[in-house]
Structures are given as C-alpha cells and as structure tokens.
Amino acid sequence: MNDSRSPISRLEVCCTDFKKLVQPVKKFAQESNLRIHSFPPEIQCGEFDLGVVASFGHLLSSNLINKFPRYNINILDPDYLMMF
C-alpha cells in the first residue's frame, strides 16, 4: 500500500472469530501485516470507501452497509477474490 500511484491508501480485514478454523483471508491478512477487525467491526461512517464481502456467514445490518458510502461488493464464492 506504499505505492503513491495506488488509489488504495490502506487495506484492512474483518473476520469472524472461529476457535478452530483460521480462514484463508485472515491468514493472508496476518502474513501481510494487515489490521484485522473482529465482526462486527467498530468503524465510523465513511472511514472506508469500499467493503467487500465473501462468504461471510453473517447477515450485515443496513447500518453497517451504510458505513461504506461508495461501494459494497458481495462475492458469494471466496475463490473469486483471487481475481482481484
């Protein structure tokens, strides 16, 4: 995220807490030193421009969805994340 040409200034991840399962996204975030939020995240409206949801397993409240004023992307199959 240190490339000045990138439109992304920071990237953070929100994961559910499982006792025995480490999700691939959480593992990637840990290996990449990304900040990890537990669900539901405590974020401010407009703090992030984009929210991406992939096989999350929770219903998202409209209050949470509205905290991403520009975009929300819902990806049902997490294998599609590798395309991005």
N, C-alpha and C. Protein backbone atom coordinates (compact mmCIF):
# COMPACT_ATOMS: atom_id res chain seq x y z
N MET A 1 0.81 -1.18 0.00
CA MET A 1 0.00 0.00 0.00
C MET A 1 0.86 1.27 0.00
N ASN A 2 2.13 1.13 -0.17
CA ASN A 2 3.01 2.29 -0.14
C ASN A 2 3.28 2.87 -1.52
N ASP A 3 2.63 2.38 -2.54
CA ASP A 3 2.80 2.89 -3.90
C ASP A 3 1.98 4.17 -4.03
N SER A 4 2.63 5.29 -4.28
CA SER A 4 1.93 6.57 -4.36
C SER A 4 0.98 6.64 -5.54
N ARG A 5 1.11 5.74 -6.51
CA ARG A 5 0.21 5.73 -7.67
C ARG A 5 -1.06 4.94 -7.39
N SER A 6 -1.09 4.19 -6.30
CA SER A 6 -2.24 3.35 -5.98
C SER A 6 -3.40 4.18 -5.45
N PRO A 7 -4.62 3.89 -5.90
CA PRO A 7 -5.78 4.59 -5.35
C PRO A 7 -6.14 4.08 -3.94
N ILE A 8 -5.47 3.03 -3.48
CA ILE A 8 -5.74 2.45 -2.17
C ILE A 8 -4.71 2.96 -1.18
N SER A 9 -5.17 3.64 -0.15
CA SER A 9 -4.24 4.18 0.84
C SER A 9 -4.05 3.23 2.01
N ARG A 10 -5.07 2.40 2.27
CA ARG A 10 -4.92 1.40 3.33
C ARG A 10 -5.90 0.27 3.09
N LEU A 11 -5.55 -0.90 3.61
CA LEU A 11 -6.37 -2.09 3.45
C LEU A 11 -6.45 -2.78 4.80
N GLU A 12 -7.67 -3.06 5.23
CA GLU A 12 -7.89 -3.75 6.49
C GLU A 12 -8.91 -4.84 6.27
N VAL A 13 -8.96 -5.80 7.19
CA VAL A 13 -9.77 -7.00 7.02
C VAL A 13 -10.67 -7.18 8.24
N CYS A 14 -11.88 -7.66 8.01
CA CYS A 14 -12.79 -8.02 9.09
C CYS A 14 -13.10 -9.51 8.96
N CYS A 15 -12.90 -10.25 10.05
CA CYS A 15 -13.14 -11.69 10.04
C CYS A 15 -13.96 -12.09 11.27
N THR A 16 -14.70 -13.16 11.12
CA THR A 16 -15.37 -13.74 12.27
C THR A 16 -14.34 -14.50 13.09
N ASP A 17 -14.62 -14.67 14.35
CA ASP A 17 -13.70 -15.40 15.23
C ASP A 17 -14.16 -16.85 15.34
N PHE A 18 -13.37 -17.74 14.80
CA PHE A 18 -13.61 -19.17 14.95
C PHE A 18 -12.53 -19.73 15.85
N LYS A 19 -12.89 -20.66 16.73
CA LYS A 19 -11.90 -21.21 17.66
C LYS A 19 -10.93 -22.17 16.98
N LYS A 20 -11.41 -22.93 16.00
CA LYS A 20 -10.56 -23.96 15.39
C LYS A 20 -10.22 -23.71 13.94
N LEU A 21 -10.90 -22.78 13.30
CA LEU A 21 -10.70 -22.55 11.87
C LEU A 21 -10.04 -21.20 11.65
N VAL A 22 -8.96 -21.19 10.92
CA VAL A 22 -8.33 -19.93 10.50
C VAL A 22 -8.67 -19.75 9.03
N GLN A 23 -9.49 -18.75 8.75
CA GLN A 23 -9.92 -18.51 7.37
C GLN A 23 -8.72 -18.09 6.52
N PRO A 24 -8.73 -18.47 5.23
CA PRO A 24 -7.64 -18.06 4.33
C PRO A 24 -7.45 -16.54 4.28
N VAL A 25 -8.53 -15.79 4.33
CA VAL A 25 -8.41 -14.33 4.28
C VAL A 25 -7.70 -13.83 5.53
N LYS A 26 -8.05 -14.39 6.69
CA LYS A 26 -7.41 -13.97 7.94
C LYS A 26 -5.94 -14.35 7.93
N LYS A 27 -5.64 -15.54 7.43
CA LYS A 27 -4.25 -15.98 7.35
C LYS A 27 -3.45 -15.03 6.45
N PHE A 28 -4.01 -14.68 5.30
CA PHE A 28 -3.35 -13.75 4.38
C PHE A 28 -3.13 -12.40 5.07
N ALA A 29 -4.14 -11.92 5.78
CA ALA A 29 -4.02 -10.63 6.46
C ALA A 29 -2.92 -10.66 7.51
N GLN A 30 -2.83 -11.76 8.24
CA GLN A 30 -1.78 -11.88 9.25
C GLN A 30 -0.40 -11.89 8.59
N GLU A 31 -0.25 -12.66 7.53
CA GLU A 31 1.03 -12.76 6.83
C GLU A 31 1.42 -11.44 6.18
N SER A 32 0.43 -10.62 5.83
CA SER A 32 0.68 -9.34 5.16
C SER A 32 0.68 -8.16 6.13
N ASN A 33 0.59 -8.47 7.41
CA ASN A 33 0.60 -7.43 8.45
C ASN A 33 -0.53 -6.41 8.27
N LEU A 34 -1.70 -6.90 7.88
CA LEU A 34 -2.87 -6.04 7.74
C LEU A 34 -3.62 -5.99 9.07
N ARG A 35 -4.23 -4.88 9.37
CA ARG A 35 -5.05 -4.77 10.58
C ARG A 35 -6.28 -5.65 10.40
N ILE A 36 -6.62 -6.41 11.45
CA ILE A 36 -7.76 -7.32 11.40
C ILE A 36 -8.80 -6.86 12.42
N HIS A 37 -10.03 -6.67 11.95
CA HIS A 37 -11.15 -6.31 12.82
C HIS A 37 -11.97 -7.57 13.08
N SER A 38 -12.51 -7.70 14.28
CA SER A 38 -13.47 -8.76 14.57
C SER A 38 -14.85 -8.28 14.16
N PHE A 39 -15.73 -9.24 13.84
CA PHE A 39 -17.08 -8.90 13.43
C PHE A 39 -17.97 -8.75 14.65
N PRO A 40 -18.81 -7.75 14.71
CA PRO A 40 -18.95 -6.65 13.77
C PRO A 40 -17.87 -5.59 14.02
N PRO A 41 -17.37 -5.00 12.95
CA PRO A 41 -16.30 -4.02 13.12
C PRO A 41 -16.80 -2.72 13.74
N GLU A 42 -15.98 -2.11 14.53
CA GLU A 42 -16.31 -0.81 15.10
C GLU A 42 -15.61 0.25 14.25
N ILE A 43 -16.32 0.70 13.23
CA ILE A 43 -15.76 1.69 12.29
C ILE A 43 -16.74 2.85 12.17
N GLN A 44 -16.22 3.96 11.72
CA GLN A 44 -17.03 5.16 11.53
C GLN A 44 -17.57 5.21 10.10
N CYS A 45 -18.71 5.86 9.94
CA CYS A 45 -19.27 6.05 8.60
C CYS A 45 -18.28 6.83 7.75
N GLY A 46 -17.98 6.32 6.57
CA GLY A 46 -17.07 6.99 5.66
C GLY A 46 -15.60 6.73 5.93
N GLU A 47 -15.30 5.93 6.95
CA GLU A 47 -13.90 5.61 7.26
C GLU A 47 -13.26 4.82 6.12
N PHE A 48 -14.07 4.02 5.44
CA PHE A 48 -13.61 3.23 4.29
C PHE A 48 -14.52 3.53 3.11
N ASP A 49 -13.96 3.51 1.92
CA ASP A 49 -14.75 3.73 0.71
C ASP A 49 -15.40 2.45 0.21
N LEU A 50 -14.75 1.33 0.43
CA LEU A 50 -15.16 0.08 -0.20
C LEU A 50 -15.26 -1.04 0.82
N GLY A 51 -16.32 -1.81 0.73
CA GLY A 51 -16.48 -3.01 1.54
C GLY A 51 -16.66 -4.20 0.61
N VAL A 52 -15.89 -5.25 0.82
CA VAL A 52 -16.00 -6.48 0.03
C VAL A 52 -16.39 -7.60 0.98
N VAL A 53 -17.45 -8.33 0.63
CA VAL A 53 -17.94 -9.42 1.47
C VAL A 53 -17.83 -10.72 0.68
N ALA A 54 -17.18 -11.72 1.27
CA ALA A 54 -17.02 -13.00 0.58
C ALA A 54 -17.37 -14.15 1.52
N SER A 55 -18.46 -14.84 1.24
CA SER A 55 -18.89 -16.00 2.05
C SER A 55 -18.71 -15.74 3.53
N PHE A 56 -19.30 -14.67 4.00
CA PHE A 56 -19.04 -14.21 5.35
C PHE A 56 -19.79 -14.99 6.40
N GLY A 57 -20.98 -15.47 6.07
CA GLY A 57 -21.74 -16.29 7.02
C GLY A 57 -22.54 -15.49 8.03
N HIS A 58 -22.63 -14.19 7.86
CA HIS A 58 -23.43 -13.33 8.74
C HIS A 58 -24.28 -12.41 7.88
N LEU A 59 -25.43 -12.05 8.41
CA LEU A 59 -26.23 -11.02 7.77
C LEU A 59 -25.65 -9.67 8.18
N LEU A 60 -25.47 -8.80 7.23
CA LEU A 60 -24.94 -7.48 7.52
C LEU A 60 -26.09 -6.50 7.72
N SER A 61 -26.03 -5.75 8.78
CA SER A 61 -27.10 -4.77 9.05
C SER A 61 -27.00 -3.62 8.06
N SER A 62 -28.11 -2.97 7.83
CA SER A 62 -28.09 -1.81 6.93
C SER A 62 -27.22 -0.71 7.53
N ASN A 63 -27.15 -0.63 8.84
CA ASN A 63 -26.28 0.35 9.49
C ASN A 63 -24.82 0.12 9.10
N LEU A 64 -24.38 -1.13 9.10
CA LEU A 64 -23.01 -1.45 8.71
C LEU A 64 -22.80 -1.19 7.21
N ILE A 65 -23.72 -1.63 6.39
CA ILE A 65 -23.60 -1.43 4.94
C ILE A 65 -23.49 0.06 4.60
N ASN A 66 -24.26 0.88 5.29
CA ASN A 66 -24.26 2.32 5.01
C ASN A 66 -22.98 3.03 5.47
N LYS A 67 -22.12 2.35 6.20
CA LYS A 67 -20.85 2.95 6.62
C LYS A 67 -19.84 2.98 5.47
N PHE A 68 -20.17 2.31 4.37
CA PHE A 68 -19.33 2.32 3.17
C PHE A 68 -20.08 3.12 2.11
N PRO A 69 -19.87 4.43 2.07
CA PRO A 69 -20.71 5.30 1.25
C PRO A 69 -20.56 5.13 -0.25
N ARG A 70 -19.44 4.58 -0.69
CA ARG A 70 -19.23 4.50 -2.14
C ARG A 70 -19.61 3.14 -2.71
N TYR A 71 -19.10 2.07 -2.13
CA TYR A 71 -19.31 0.76 -2.74
C TYR A 71 -19.39 -0.35 -1.70
N ASN A 72 -20.16 -1.37 -2.03
CA ASN A 72 -20.15 -2.65 -1.35
C ASN A 72 -20.17 -3.71 -2.43
N ILE A 73 -19.29 -4.67 -2.32
CA ILE A 73 -19.24 -5.77 -3.28
C ILE A 73 -19.48 -7.06 -2.52
N ASN A 74 -20.42 -7.86 -2.97
CA ASN A 74 -20.73 -9.12 -2.33
C ASN A 74 -20.28 -10.25 -3.24
N ILE A 75 -19.28 -11.00 -2.80
CA ILE A 75 -18.77 -12.13 -3.57
C ILE A 75 -19.17 -13.40 -2.84
N LEU A 76 -20.01 -14.21 -3.46
CA LEU A 76 -20.51 -15.39 -2.78
C LEU A 76 -19.47 -16.49 -2.66
N ASP A 77 -18.58 -16.60 -3.60
CA ASP A 77 -17.56 -17.64 -3.58
C ASP A 77 -16.19 -16.99 -3.36
N PRO A 78 -15.51 -17.28 -2.22
CA PRO A 78 -14.25 -16.61 -1.93
C PRO A 78 -13.14 -16.90 -2.94
N ASP A 79 -13.28 -17.95 -3.75
CA ASP A 79 -12.27 -18.22 -4.78
C ASP A 79 -12.20 -17.08 -5.80
N TYR A 80 -13.30 -16.33 -5.94
CA TYR A 80 -13.30 -15.20 -6.87
C TYR A 80 -12.44 -14.05 -6.36
N LEU A 81 -12.13 -14.01 -5.07
CA LEU A 81 -11.29 -12.94 -4.54
C LEU A 81 -9.92 -12.95 -5.21
N MET A 82 -9.43 -14.11 -5.59
CA MET A 82 -8.11 -14.19 -6.21
C MET A 82 -8.07 -13.45 -7.55
N MET A 83 -9.24 -13.22 -8.15
CA MET A 83 -9.30 -12.47 -9.41
C MET A 83 -8.98 -10.99 -9.19
N PHE A 84 -9.17 -10.53 -7.95
CA PHE A 84 -8.97 -9.11 -7.65
C PHE A 84 -7.60 -8.94 -7.05
